[in-house]
N, C-alpha and C. Protein backbone atom coordinates (compact mmCIF):
# COMPACT_ATOMS: atom_id res chain seq x y z
N MET A 1 -49.05 56.67 100.98
CA MET A 1 -50.26 55.82 100.26
C MET A 1 -49.75 55.00 98.70
N VAL A 2 -48.59 55.06 97.98
CA VAL A 2 -48.64 53.86 96.83
C VAL A 2 -47.68 52.91 97.08
N ARG A 3 -47.25 54.11 97.93
CA ARG A 3 -46.02 53.06 98.86
C ARG A 3 -46.30 51.73 99.32
N GLU A 4 -46.69 52.35 100.44
CA GLU A 4 -47.76 51.46 101.48
C GLU A 4 -48.31 49.67 100.38
N VAL A 5 -49.44 50.22 99.64
CA VAL A 5 -50.50 49.39 98.31
C VAL A 5 -49.23 48.61 97.51
N LEU A 6 -48.20 49.59 97.03
CA LEU A 6 -47.45 48.42 96.50
C LEU A 6 -46.45 47.40 97.49
N ILE A 7 -45.81 47.64 98.47
CA ILE A 7 -45.65 47.23 100.19
C ILE A 7 -46.66 45.86 99.81
N ILE A 8 -47.28 45.90 100.31
CA ILE A 8 -48.88 44.97 100.44
C ILE A 8 -48.96 44.00 98.82
N ALA A 9 -49.17 44.84 98.22
CA ALA A 9 -49.40 43.98 96.93
C ALA A 9 -47.88 43.08 96.38
N LEU A 10 -47.14 43.44 96.45
CA LEU A 10 -46.01 43.15 96.46
C LEU A 10 -45.65 41.39 97.51
N GLU A 11 -46.28 42.14 99.07
CA GLU A 11 -46.15 40.90 100.03
C GLU A 11 -47.26 39.58 99.73
N VAL A 12 -48.10 40.69 99.49
CA VAL A 12 -49.71 38.93 99.28
C VAL A 12 -49.11 38.05 98.32
N TYR A 13 -48.72 39.29 96.90
CA TYR A 13 -47.94 38.09 95.77
C TYR A 13 -46.93 36.57 96.35
N LEU A 14 -46.19 37.55 96.62
CA LEU A 14 -44.76 36.14 97.19
C LEU A 14 -45.58 35.24 98.88
N TRP A 15 -46.04 35.87 99.12
CA TRP A 15 -46.73 34.75 100.45
C TRP A 15 -47.46 34.01 99.93
N GLY A 16 -48.87 34.75 99.67
CA GLY A 16 -50.11 34.51 99.15
C GLY A 16 -49.80 33.24 97.49
N VAL A 17 -49.15 34.18 96.58
CA VAL A 17 -48.75 32.76 95.52
C VAL A 17 -47.69 32.02 95.22
N LEU A 18 -47.07 32.62 95.30
CA LEU A 18 -45.29 32.02 95.01
C LEU A 18 -45.06 31.28 96.08
N PHE A 19 -45.62 31.41 97.43
CA PHE A 19 -44.72 30.85 98.37
C PHE A 19 -45.81 29.66 98.11
N PRO A 20 -46.78 29.53 97.82
CA PRO A 20 -47.88 28.41 98.28
C PRO A 20 -47.47 27.51 96.93
N ARG A 21 -47.13 28.20 95.90
CA ARG A 21 -47.22 27.18 94.56
C ARG A 21 -45.78 26.49 94.97
N ALA A 22 -45.50 27.40 95.76
CA ALA A 22 -43.71 26.06 95.80
C ALA A 22 -43.40 24.76 96.76
N LEU A 23 -44.52 25.46 97.71
CA LEU A 23 -44.67 24.04 98.88
C LEU A 23 -45.65 23.14 98.01
N LEU A 24 -46.98 23.49 97.19
CA LEU A 24 -47.42 22.89 97.00
C LEU A 24 -47.17 22.32 95.93
N SER A 25 -46.16 22.47 95.37
CA SER A 25 -45.46 21.62 93.79
C SER A 25 -44.09 20.52 94.74
N TRP A 26 -43.87 20.58 96.10
CA TRP A 26 -43.86 19.14 96.62
C TRP A 26 -44.98 17.90 96.27
N PHE A 27 -45.74 17.92 96.29
CA PHE A 27 -47.51 17.30 96.60
C PHE A 27 -48.16 17.16 95.28
N PRO A 28 -47.77 16.22 94.25
CA PRO A 28 -48.27 16.56 93.32
C PRO A 28 -49.49 15.83 93.54
N ALA A 29 -51.03 17.32 92.84
CA ALA A 29 -52.52 16.60 92.84
C ALA A 29 -53.04 15.27 92.42
N SER A 30 -53.61 14.63 92.68
CA SER A 30 -53.93 13.31 91.85
C SER A 30 -55.42 13.97 91.08
N PRO A 31 -55.44 13.27 89.68
CA PRO A 31 -56.65 14.27 89.30
C PRO A 31 -57.80 14.31 89.83
N GLY A 32 -58.87 14.62 90.66
CA GLY A 32 -59.97 15.19 90.74
C GLY A 32 -59.88 15.09 92.78
N SER A 33 -58.79 15.62 93.06
CA SER A 33 -58.03 16.44 94.28
C SER A 33 -58.51 17.54 94.72
N TRP A 34 -58.79 18.06 95.84
CA TRP A 34 -59.22 19.54 95.80
C TRP A 34 -58.33 19.90 96.14
N LEU A 35 -57.01 19.64 95.60
CA LEU A 35 -55.34 20.84 95.18
C LEU A 35 -55.91 20.77 93.45
N VAL A 36 -56.32 20.31 92.74
CA VAL A 36 -56.48 20.98 91.50
C VAL A 36 -56.63 22.01 91.26
N PRO A 37 -57.87 22.35 91.49
CA PRO A 37 -57.41 23.86 91.13
C PRO A 37 -57.73 24.84 92.10
N ILE A 38 -56.72 24.78 93.85
CA ILE A 38 -55.67 25.51 93.91
C ILE A 38 -55.14 25.36 93.49
N ASN A 39 -53.39 24.44 92.82
CA ASN A 39 -52.26 24.85 92.19
C ASN A 39 -53.15 25.18 90.35
N SER A 40 -54.54 25.05 89.90
CA SER A 40 -54.26 25.39 88.88
C SER A 40 -54.17 27.03 88.72
N ALA A 41 -55.39 27.40 89.97
CA ALA A 41 -55.23 28.74 89.92
C ALA A 41 -53.44 29.69 90.71
N LEU A 42 -53.14 28.70 91.11
CA LEU A 42 -51.62 28.87 91.67
C LEU A 42 -50.86 29.16 90.05
N TYR A 43 -50.55 28.31 89.61
CA TYR A 43 -49.91 28.24 88.34
C TYR A 43 -50.51 29.69 87.28
N ARG A 44 -51.44 29.59 86.89
CA ARG A 44 -52.11 30.82 86.39
C ARG A 44 -51.70 32.25 86.73
N LEU A 45 -51.52 32.35 88.41
CA LEU A 45 -50.92 33.83 88.69
C LEU A 45 -49.63 33.71 88.83
N SER A 46 -48.57 33.12 88.93
CA SER A 46 -47.51 33.03 89.40
C SER A 46 -46.89 33.08 88.09
N GLU A 47 -47.62 32.01 86.74
CA GLU A 47 -46.75 31.70 85.51
C GLU A 47 -45.66 33.13 84.69
N PRO A 48 -46.63 33.84 84.72
CA PRO A 48 -46.47 35.27 84.27
C PRO A 48 -45.17 35.98 84.51
N VAL A 49 -45.12 35.60 85.47
CA VAL A 49 -43.40 36.18 86.52
C VAL A 49 -42.08 35.16 85.90
N LEU A 50 -42.86 34.05 87.22
CA LEU A 50 -41.85 32.75 86.56
C LEU A 50 -41.14 32.56 85.16
N ALA A 51 -42.39 32.44 83.85
CA ALA A 51 -42.04 32.15 82.88
C ALA A 51 -40.55 32.02 82.09
N PRO A 52 -40.73 34.14 82.23
CA PRO A 52 -39.90 35.25 81.19
C PRO A 52 -38.48 34.76 82.12
N VAL A 53 -38.27 34.58 83.52
CA VAL A 53 -37.41 34.53 83.83
C VAL A 53 -36.75 32.81 83.64
N ARG A 54 -37.35 32.11 83.64
CA ARG A 54 -37.00 30.75 83.05
C ARG A 54 -36.67 31.06 82.09
N ARG A 55 -36.84 31.02 81.02
CA ARG A 55 -36.81 31.31 80.30
C ARG A 55 -35.19 31.85 79.59
N VAL A 56 -34.35 32.96 80.63
CA VAL A 56 -33.43 33.43 81.18
C VAL A 56 -32.26 32.47 82.04
N ILE A 57 -33.00 32.00 83.02
CA ILE A 57 -32.09 31.16 83.76
C ILE A 57 -32.76 29.98 83.37
N PRO A 58 -31.92 28.72 82.36
CA PRO A 58 -32.91 27.69 82.44
C PRO A 58 -33.04 26.71 84.12
N PRO A 59 -33.41 25.56 84.10
CA PRO A 59 -33.44 24.70 85.59
C PRO A 59 -31.52 24.32 85.17
N ALA A 60 -31.36 24.60 86.43
CA ALA A 60 -30.48 23.90 87.10
C ALA A 60 -30.25 22.71 87.56
N ARG A 61 -29.91 21.53 85.95
CA ARG A 61 -29.65 19.99 86.73
C ARG A 61 -28.65 19.55 87.60
N MET A 62 -29.20 18.70 88.16
CA MET A 62 -28.88 17.82 89.46
C MET A 62 -29.23 16.08 89.17
N GLY A 63 -28.07 15.78 89.12
CA GLY A 63 -28.88 14.47 88.77
C GLY A 63 -29.76 14.36 87.13
N GLY A 64 -30.74 13.52 88.16
CA GLY A 64 -31.92 13.40 86.72
C GLY A 64 -33.06 14.27 86.76
N MET A 65 -33.01 15.46 87.25
CA MET A 65 -34.06 16.09 87.68
C MET A 65 -33.31 17.57 87.40
N GLY A 66 -34.35 18.93 86.95
CA GLY A 66 -34.03 20.07 87.02
C GLY A 66 -34.53 21.10 88.88
N LEU A 67 -33.74 21.58 88.85
CA LEU A 67 -33.75 22.63 90.50
C LEU A 67 -33.90 23.44 89.36
N ASP A 68 -35.65 24.29 89.69
CA ASP A 68 -36.58 25.29 89.06
C ASP A 68 -35.31 26.76 90.22
N LEU A 69 -35.17 27.64 88.87
CA LEU A 69 -34.39 28.57 89.95
C LEU A 69 -34.73 30.14 89.88
N SER A 70 -36.60 29.57 89.22
CA SER A 70 -37.05 30.76 88.77
C SER A 70 -37.62 31.57 90.12
N PHE A 71 -38.61 30.44 90.60
CA PHE A 71 -38.63 30.87 92.14
C PHE A 71 -38.08 31.77 93.06
N ILE A 72 -36.76 30.84 93.17
CA ILE A 72 -35.60 31.89 94.13
C ILE A 72 -35.61 33.37 93.51
N VAL A 73 -35.25 33.41 92.22
CA VAL A 73 -34.77 34.68 91.68
C VAL A 73 -36.00 35.85 92.04
N VAL A 74 -37.20 35.97 91.62
CA VAL A 74 -38.05 36.14 91.90
C VAL A 74 -38.77 36.60 92.58
N PHE A 75 -38.52 35.68 93.89
CA PHE A 75 -38.48 35.50 95.33
C PHE A 75 -38.05 37.13 95.74
N LEU A 76 -36.53 36.64 95.63
CA LEU A 76 -34.78 38.10 96.02
C LEU A 76 -35.73 39.07 95.13
N GLY A 77 -35.89 39.16 94.21
CA GLY A 77 -36.24 40.62 93.30
C GLY A 77 -37.16 40.78 94.61
N ILE A 78 -38.52 40.55 94.32
CA ILE A 78 -39.61 41.52 95.33
C ILE A 78 -39.32 41.33 96.47
N GLN A 79 -37.99 40.81 97.48
CA GLN A 79 -37.62 41.45 98.18
C GLN A 79 -36.72 42.83 97.70
N VAL A 80 -35.95 42.41 97.73
CA VAL A 80 -35.08 44.07 97.10
C VAL A 80 -35.80 45.03 96.96
N VAL A 81 -36.63 44.66 96.67
CA VAL A 81 -37.95 46.19 95.69
C VAL A 81 -38.71 46.50 97.18
N VAL A 82 -39.47 45.14 98.14
CA VAL A 82 -39.67 45.39 99.07
C VAL A 82 -39.36 46.11 100.28
N ILE A 83 -38.11 45.90 100.87
CA ILE A 83 -36.78 46.16 101.86
C ILE A 83 -36.76 47.84 101.80
N PRO A 84 -36.66 48.01 101.10
CA PRO A 84 -35.82 49.43 100.43
C PRO A 84 -37.10 50.49 100.63
N LEU A 85 -38.14 49.70 100.00
CA LEU A 85 -39.92 50.98 100.58
C LEU A 85 -39.93 50.42 101.59
N VAL A 86 -40.34 49.30 102.64
CA VAL A 86 -40.18 49.49 104.33
C VAL A 86 -39.46 50.40 105.13
N ALA A 87 -37.73 50.74 104.48
CA ALA A 87 -36.85 51.37 105.40
C ALA A 87 -37.40 53.26 104.67
N SER A 88 -38.14 53.24 103.83
CA SER A 88 -38.67 54.48 103.66
C SER A 88 -39.69 54.84 104.54
N VAL A 89 -41.09 53.51 105.22
CA VAL A 89 -41.53 54.59 105.22
C VAL A 89 -41.26 54.66 106.96
């Protein structure tokens, strides 16, 4: 029971918070846009997880911009936890 709840919670966080935040980061919202409250909510839900990882692994410099690797690390970390849980059900 606890295992199933943990799997669902992690999957909802991954696909309902982290993945939409990554997608919406490609489309900056202009002030007054309907995306602003969505971006704000996703930021508040994901930043407590991403910020500590970002402090350890800073964005990789690619020319004039940085590639934030924290999302990839958290995404893979969640998968490392979820896959064995699913396999043992």
